[in-house]
Amino acid sequence: MRESYTILLAEDDPDDQELLVHAFTEVSPTFNLHIVNDGKEVIEFLSTTSDSKLPCLIVLDYNMPELNGAEVLQKLTGDKRYENIPKIVLSTSSNPKYIQDCLCKGAHAYKVKPDNFTQLVVIAKEMLDLCGKAA
């Protein structure tokens, strides 16, 4: 059983990081947000985190350096340690090929980044609701 209420956010754009922090905080100030800048850092963080401290949610940008969102999902697929953690891809791309690829590789959902903060807060709430169910 995980003790933490931590969300792992993999996002390489500082502006998007800041917007997501504000959106999550508006919904619930009681979580910890661990931010990494690329897919390789996702794998490093997860592999060095104890089972009880694993995040309750993983949010991945699709277009990241080192490993993209789909490649991270591929590396996590089949590892029992991560199978109960919801994984959401949040991207500017609405390319159906990317969406299908991520969903086939284990993403719980693929969300396109909205162009307004109000809609981002709605998405943050949906993601935090998933986190609550996983914790």
C-alpha atoms as a PDB file:
ATOM      1  CA  MET A   1       0.000   0.000   0.000  1.00  0.00           C
ATOM      2  CA  ARG A   2       1.371   3.385  -0.999  1.00  0.00           C
ATOM      3  CA  GLU A   3       1.649   5.980   1.755  1.00  0.00           C
ATOM      4  CA  SER A   4       2.372   8.938  -0.461  1.00  0.00           C
ATOM      5  CA  TYR A   5       0.049  11.187  -2.355  1.00  0.00           C
ATOM      6  CA  THR A   6       2.669  11.997  -4.952  1.00  0.00           C
ATOM      7  CA  ILE A   7       2.148  12.756  -8.613  1.00  0.00           C
ATOM      8  CA  LEU A   8       5.058  12.224 -10.976  1.00  0.00           C
ATOM      9  CA  LEU A   9       4.948  14.844 -13.728  1.00  0.00           C
ATOM     10  CA  ALA A  10       7.219  14.425 -16.738  1.00  0.00           C
ATOM     11  CA  GLU A  11       7.156  17.713 -18.630  1.00  0.00           C
ATOM     12  CA  ASP A  12      10.100  19.454 -20.302  1.00  0.00           C
ATOM     13  CA  ASP A  13       8.443  22.848 -20.844  1.00  0.00           C
ATOM     14  CA  PRO A  14       8.869  25.146 -17.796  1.00  0.00           C
ATOM     15  CA  ASP A  15       5.739  27.166 -18.681  1.00  0.00           C
ATOM     16  CA  ASP A  16       3.626  24.012 -18.884  1.00  0.00           C
ATOM     17  CA  GLN A  17       5.143  22.795 -15.612  1.00  0.00           C
ATOM     18  CA  GLU A  18       4.104  26.027 -13.913  1.00  0.00           C
ATOM     19  CA  LEU A  19       0.575  25.928 -15.346  1.00  0.00           C
ATOM     20  CA  LEU A  20       0.109  22.322 -14.222  1.00  0.00           C
ATOM     21  CA  VAL A  21       1.373  23.084 -10.724  1.00  0.00           C
ATOM     22  CA  HIS A  22      -1.185  25.916 -10.471  1.00  0.00           C
ATOM     23  CA  ALA A  23      -3.992  23.762 -11.866  1.00  0.00           C
ATOM     24  CA  PHE A  24      -3.283  20.866  -9.484  1.00  0.00           C
ATOM     25  CA  THR A  25      -2.958  23.262  -6.532  1.00  0.00           C
ATOM     26  CA  GLU A  26      -6.288  24.866  -7.371  1.00  0.00           C
ATOM     27  CA  VAL A  27      -7.963  21.441  -7.177  1.00  0.00           C
ATOM     28  CA  SER A  28      -6.105  20.099  -4.135  1.00  0.00           C
ATOM     29  CA  PRO A  29      -3.184  21.593  -2.210  1.00  0.00           C
ATOM     30  CA  THR A  30      -2.490  18.329  -0.343  1.00  0.00           C
ATOM     31  CA  PHE A  31      -0.431  16.434  -2.901  1.00  0.00           C
ATOM     32  CA  ASN A  32       3.289  16.308  -3.640  1.00  0.00           C
ATOM     33  CA  LEU A  33       4.314  16.983  -7.205  1.00  0.00           C
ATOM     34  CA  HIS A  34       7.614  15.505  -8.337  1.00  0.00           C
ATOM     35  CA  ILE A  35       8.660  17.055 -11.653  1.00  0.00           C
ATOM     36  CA  VAL A  36      11.147  15.533 -14.083  1.00  0.00           C
ATOM     37  CA  ASN A  37      12.176  16.945 -17.458  1.00  0.00           C
ATOM     38  CA  ASP A  38      12.426  13.885 -19.671  1.00  0.00           C
ATOM     39  CA  GLY A  39      11.455  10.258 -20.058  1.00  0.00           C
ATOM     40  CA  LYS A  40      14.784   8.931 -18.845  1.00  0.00           C
ATOM     41  CA  GLU A  41      14.303  10.762 -15.531  1.00  0.00           C
ATOM     42  CA  VAL A  42      10.886   9.071 -15.148  1.00  0.00           C
ATOM     43  CA  ILE A  43      12.520   5.640 -15.297  1.00  0.00           C
ATOM     44  CA  GLU A  44      15.346   6.702 -12.955  1.00  0.00           C
ATOM     45  CA  PHE A  45      12.915   8.160 -10.397  1.00  0.00           C
ATOM     46  CA  LEU A  46      10.643   5.124 -10.398  1.00  0.00           C
ATOM     47  CA  SER A  47      13.485   2.615 -10.204  1.00  0.00           C
ATOM     48  CA  THR A  48      15.021   4.362  -7.183  1.00  0.00           C
ATOM     49  CA  THR A  49      11.744   4.871  -5.288  1.00  0.00           C
ATOM     50  CA  SER A  50      10.573   2.354  -2.681  1.00  0.00           C
ATOM     51  CA  ASP A  51       7.240   0.623  -3.228  1.00  0.00           C
ATOM     52  CA  SER A  52       5.594   2.578  -0.401  1.00  0.00           C
ATOM     53  CA  LYS A  53       6.709   5.893  -1.937  1.00  0.00           C
ATOM     54  CA  LEU A  54       5.662   5.233  -5.537  1.00  0.00           C
ATOM     55  CA  PRO A  55       3.481   7.956  -7.056  1.00  0.00           C
ATOM     56  CA  CYS A  56      -0.271   7.490  -7.193  1.00  0.00           C
ATOM     57  CA  LEU A  57      -0.305   8.966 -10.709  1.00  0.00           C
ATOM     58  CA  ILE A  58       2.160   9.397 -13.570  1.00  0.00           C
ATOM     59  CA  VAL A  59       1.543  12.283 -15.995  1.00  0.00           C
ATOM     60  CA  LEU A  60       3.657  12.175 -19.154  1.00  0.00           C
ATOM     61  CA  ASP A  61       4.126  14.721 -21.897  1.00  0.00           C
ATOM     62  CA  TYR A  62       4.283  12.946 -25.252  1.00  0.00           C
ATOM     63  CA  ASN A  63       7.109  14.990 -26.782  1.00  0.00           C
ATOM     64  CA  MET A  64      10.041  14.840 -24.369  1.00  0.00           C
ATOM     65  CA  PRO A  65      13.777  14.484 -24.819  1.00  0.00           C
ATOM     66  CA  GLU A  66      15.512  11.129 -24.234  1.00  0.00           C
ATOM     67  CA  LEU A  67      12.335   9.001 -24.173  1.00  0.00           C
ATOM     68  CA  ASN A  68       8.922  10.217 -25.325  1.00  0.00           C
ATOM     69  CA  GLY A  69       5.700   9.387 -23.497  1.00  0.00           C
ATOM     70  CA  ALA A  70       5.032   6.242 -25.554  1.00  0.00           C
ATOM     71  CA  GLU A  71       8.575   4.965 -24.978  1.00  0.00           C
ATOM     72  CA  VAL A  72       8.225   5.480 -21.218  1.00  0.00           C
ATOM     73  CA  LEU A  73       4.925   3.578 -21.261  1.00  0.00           C
ATOM     74  CA  GLN A  74       6.591   0.767 -23.211  1.00  0.00           C
ATOM     75  CA  LYS A  75       9.340   0.473 -20.569  1.00  0.00           C
ATOM     76  CA  LEU A  76       6.780   0.368 -17.737  1.00  0.00           C
ATOM     77  CA  THR A  77       4.509  -2.170 -19.438  1.00  0.00           C
ATOM     78  CA  GLY A  78       4.669  -5.621 -17.941  1.00  0.00           C
ATOM     79  CA  ASP A  79       6.299  -4.491 -14.693  1.00  0.00           C
ATOM     80  CA  LYS A  80       3.892  -5.486 -11.912  1.00  0.00           C
ATOM     81  CA  ARG A  81       5.337  -2.744  -9.714  1.00  0.00           C
ATOM     82  CA  TYR A  82       3.768  -0.055 -11.897  1.00  0.00           C
ATOM     83  CA  GLU A  83       0.650  -1.755 -13.275  1.00  0.00           C
ATOM     84  CA  ASN A  84      -1.753  -0.209 -10.724  1.00  0.00           C
ATOM     85  CA  ILE A  85      -0.478   3.339 -11.165  1.00  0.00           C
ATOM     86  CA  PRO A  86      -2.637   5.283 -13.650  1.00  0.00           C
ATOM     87  CA  LYS A  87      -0.572   6.794 -16.439  1.00  0.00           C
ATOM     88  CA  ILE A  88      -1.924   9.830 -18.299  1.00  0.00           C
ATOM     89  CA  VAL A  89      -0.369  11.336 -21.404  1.00  0.00           C
ATOM     90  CA  LEU A  90      -0.928  15.098 -21.576  1.00  0.00           C
ATOM     91  CA  SER A  91       0.267  16.553 -24.864  1.00  0.00           C
ATOM     92  CA  THR A  92      -0.180  19.374 -27.337  1.00  0.00           C
ATOM     93  CA  SER A  93      -0.408  16.768 -30.114  1.00  0.00           C
ATOM     94  CA  SER A  94      -3.792  15.384 -31.102  1.00  0.00           C
ATOM     95  CA  ASN A  95      -2.248  12.984 -33.645  1.00  0.00           C
ATOM     96  CA  PRO A  96      -4.480   9.862 -33.653  1.00  0.00           C
ATOM     97  CA  LYS A  97      -1.418   7.659 -34.213  1.00  0.00           C
ATOM     98  CA  TYR A  98       0.221   8.979 -30.999  1.00  0.00           C
ATOM     99  CA  ILE A  99      -3.032   8.589 -29.055  1.00  0.00           C
ATOM    100  CA  GLN A 100      -3.554   4.994 -30.200  1.00  0.00           C
ATOM    101  CA  ASP A 101       0.106   4.120 -29.561  1.00  0.00           C
ATOM    102  CA  CYS A 102      -0.044   5.430 -25.975  1.00  0.00           C
ATOM    103  CA  LEU A 103      -3.351   3.742 -25.175  1.00  0.00           C
ATOM    104  CA  CYS A 104      -2.035   0.430 -26.554  1.00  0.00           C
ATOM    105  CA  LYS A 105       1.077   0.775 -24.384  1.00  0.00           C
ATOM    106  CA  GLY A 106      -0.862   1.182 -21.156  1.00  0.00           C
ATOM    107  CA  ALA A 107      -1.909   4.813 -20.850  1.00  0.00           C
ATOM    108  CA  HIS A 108      -5.107   5.173 -18.849  1.00  0.00           C
ATOM    109  CA  ALA A 109      -5.961   8.216 -20.972  1.00  0.00           C
ATOM    110  CA  TYR A 110      -4.487  10.619 -23.492  1.00  0.00           C
ATOM    111  CA  LYS A 111      -5.474  14.248 -22.973  1.00  0.00           C
ATOM    112  CA  VAL A 112      -4.720  17.129 -25.323  1.00  0.00           C
ATOM    113  CA  LYS A 113      -3.461  20.196 -23.456  1.00  0.00           C
ATOM    114  CA  PRO A 114      -6.216  22.804 -23.518  1.00  0.00           C
ATOM    115  CA  ASP A 115      -5.634  26.404 -24.530  1.00  0.00           C
ATOM    116  CA  ASN A 116      -7.234  27.852 -21.380  1.00  0.00           C
ATOM    117  CA  PHE A 117      -6.567  27.506 -17.673  1.00  0.00           C
ATOM    118  CA  THR A 118     -10.170  26.714 -16.715  1.00  0.00           C
ATOM    119  CA  GLN A 119     -10.137  23.595 -18.892  1.00  0.00           C
ATOM    120  CA  LEU A 120      -6.707  22.624 -17.528  1.00  0.00           C
ATOM    121  CA  VAL A 121      -8.164  22.726 -14.001  1.00  0.00           C
ATOM    122  CA  VAL A 122     -10.954  20.370 -15.144  1.00  0.00           C
ATOM    123  CA  ILE A 123      -8.329  17.942 -16.498  1.00  0.00           C
ATOM    124  CA  ALA A 124      -6.278  18.285 -13.285  1.00  0.00           C
ATOM    125  CA  LYS A 125      -9.367  17.355 -11.260  1.00  0.00           C
ATOM    126  CA  GLU A 126      -9.968  14.294 -13.439  1.00  0.00           C
ATOM    127  CA  MET A 127      -6.352  13.249 -12.946  1.00  0.00           C
ATOM    128  CA  LEU A 128      -6.436  13.822  -9.176  1.00  0.00           C
ATOM    129  CA  ASP A 129      -9.628  11.772  -8.960  1.00  0.00           C
ATOM    130  CA  LEU A 130      -7.708   8.886 -10.536  1.00  0.00           C
ATOM    131  CA  CYS A 131      -4.925   9.393  -8.049  1.00  0.00           C
ATOM    132  CA  GLY A 132      -7.355   9.159  -5.164  1.00  0.00           C
ATOM    133  CA  LYS A 133      -8.639   5.835  -6.450  1.00  0.00           C
ATOM    134  CA  ALA A 134      -5.113   4.464  -6.800  1.00  0.00           C
ATOM    135  CA  ALA A 135      -3.792   5.528  -3.413  1.00  0.00           C
END
